[in-house]
Each structure stands twice: as C-alpha cells, then as structure tokens.
C-alpha cells in the first residue's frame, strides 16, 4: 500500500477543502417579465418557460 513520504502542509489541505465551500446558486432572469428565477424552472410570476407559456398564473 502506498504511504506518503512527507506530511502535506496545512495550506495544501485547506486549498483542497476550499473547493467544497458552500455558495449561493445563481439566479437567471426571466425573458418575459424580467424577474429573477432559478435555471430550468418555469417563472412563477408570469408562467413562461423557454419563451412559451406553460403555466396559467392567476392575477397576471
């Protein structure tokens, strides 16, 4: 079994762990009404997805 020859530094360990840090998801903009929505989701305010209406929204 392979064994490390030298101890890895704290900086190397922390650099590796930094890649797993939490970050907020990016929100896209609805092409129809301009509200901020997650990707690949029909807009809850206007009901459009990829340029066509897929939901009927009351009050819009």
Protein backbone atom coordinates (compact mmCIF):
# COMPACT_ATOMS: atom_id res chain seq x y z
CA UNK A 1 0.00 0.00 0.00
CA UNK A 2 1.29 3.46 -0.87
CA UNK A 3 2.31 5.64 2.06
CA UNK A 4 3.01 9.39 1.83
CA UNK A 5 6.71 10.20 2.06
CA UNK A 6 6.15 13.66 3.56
CA UNK A 7 3.40 15.36 5.55
CA UNK A 8 1.20 17.63 3.45
CA UNK A 9 1.11 21.25 4.57
CA UNK A 10 -1.93 22.94 6.11
CA UNK A 11 -2.17 25.28 3.14
CA UNK A 12 -2.42 22.36 0.71
CA UNK A 13 -5.15 20.75 2.82
CA UNK A 14 -7.11 23.99 3.17
CA UNK A 15 -6.81 24.73 -0.54
CA UNK A 16 -8.33 21.35 -1.32
CA UNK A 17 -11.15 21.82 1.18
CA UNK A 18 -11.90 25.34 -0.10
CA UNK A 19 -13.25 23.86 -3.35
CA UNK A 20 -16.14 22.34 -1.36
CA UNK A 21 -17.23 25.63 0.19
CA UNK A 22 -20.93 26.48 0.00
CA UNK A 23 -22.03 29.21 -2.38
CA UNK A 24 -25.45 30.54 -3.25
CA UNK A 25 -26.93 29.36 -6.53
CA UNK A 26 -27.02 31.77 -9.45
CA UNK A 27 -30.42 33.10 -10.46
CA UNK A 28 -31.27 33.74 -14.07
CA UNK A 29 -33.58 36.40 -15.44
CA UNK A 30 -36.97 35.59 -16.94
CA UNK A 31 -37.02 36.60 -20.60
CA UNK A 32 -40.68 37.57 -20.45
CA UNK A 33 -41.11 39.59 -17.24
CA UNK A 34 -37.52 40.05 -16.04
CA UNK A 35 -37.93 38.57 -12.56
CA UNK A 36 -35.10 36.52 -11.00
CA UNK A 37 -35.69 32.74 -11.15
CA UNK A 38 -33.57 29.57 -10.88
CA UNK A 39 -32.46 27.89 -14.11
CA UNK A 40 -34.66 25.26 -15.80
CA UNK A 41 -37.78 26.36 -13.88
CA UNK A 42 -40.98 27.94 -15.18
CA UNK A 43 -41.35 31.53 -13.98
CA UNK A 44 -43.79 31.63 -11.06
CA UNK A 45 -44.81 35.24 -11.72
CA UNK A 46 -45.71 35.01 -15.43
CA UNK A 47 -45.77 31.25 -16.17
CA UNK A 48 -43.34 31.30 -19.11
CA UNK A 49 -40.55 28.78 -19.77
CA UNK A 50 -38.20 28.95 -22.78
CA UNK A 51 -40.29 31.64 -24.46
CA UNK A 52 -43.69 29.98 -24.26
CA UNK A 53 -46.42 29.91 -21.64
CA UNK A 54 -46.57 26.63 -19.71
CA UNK A 55 -48.47 27.75 -16.58
CA UNK A 56 -51.57 29.83 -16.13
CA UNK A 57 -50.93 32.31 -13.34
CA UNK A 58 -53.83 33.97 -11.55
CA UNK A 59 -53.54 37.76 -11.39
CA UNK A 60 -51.08 38.11 -14.26
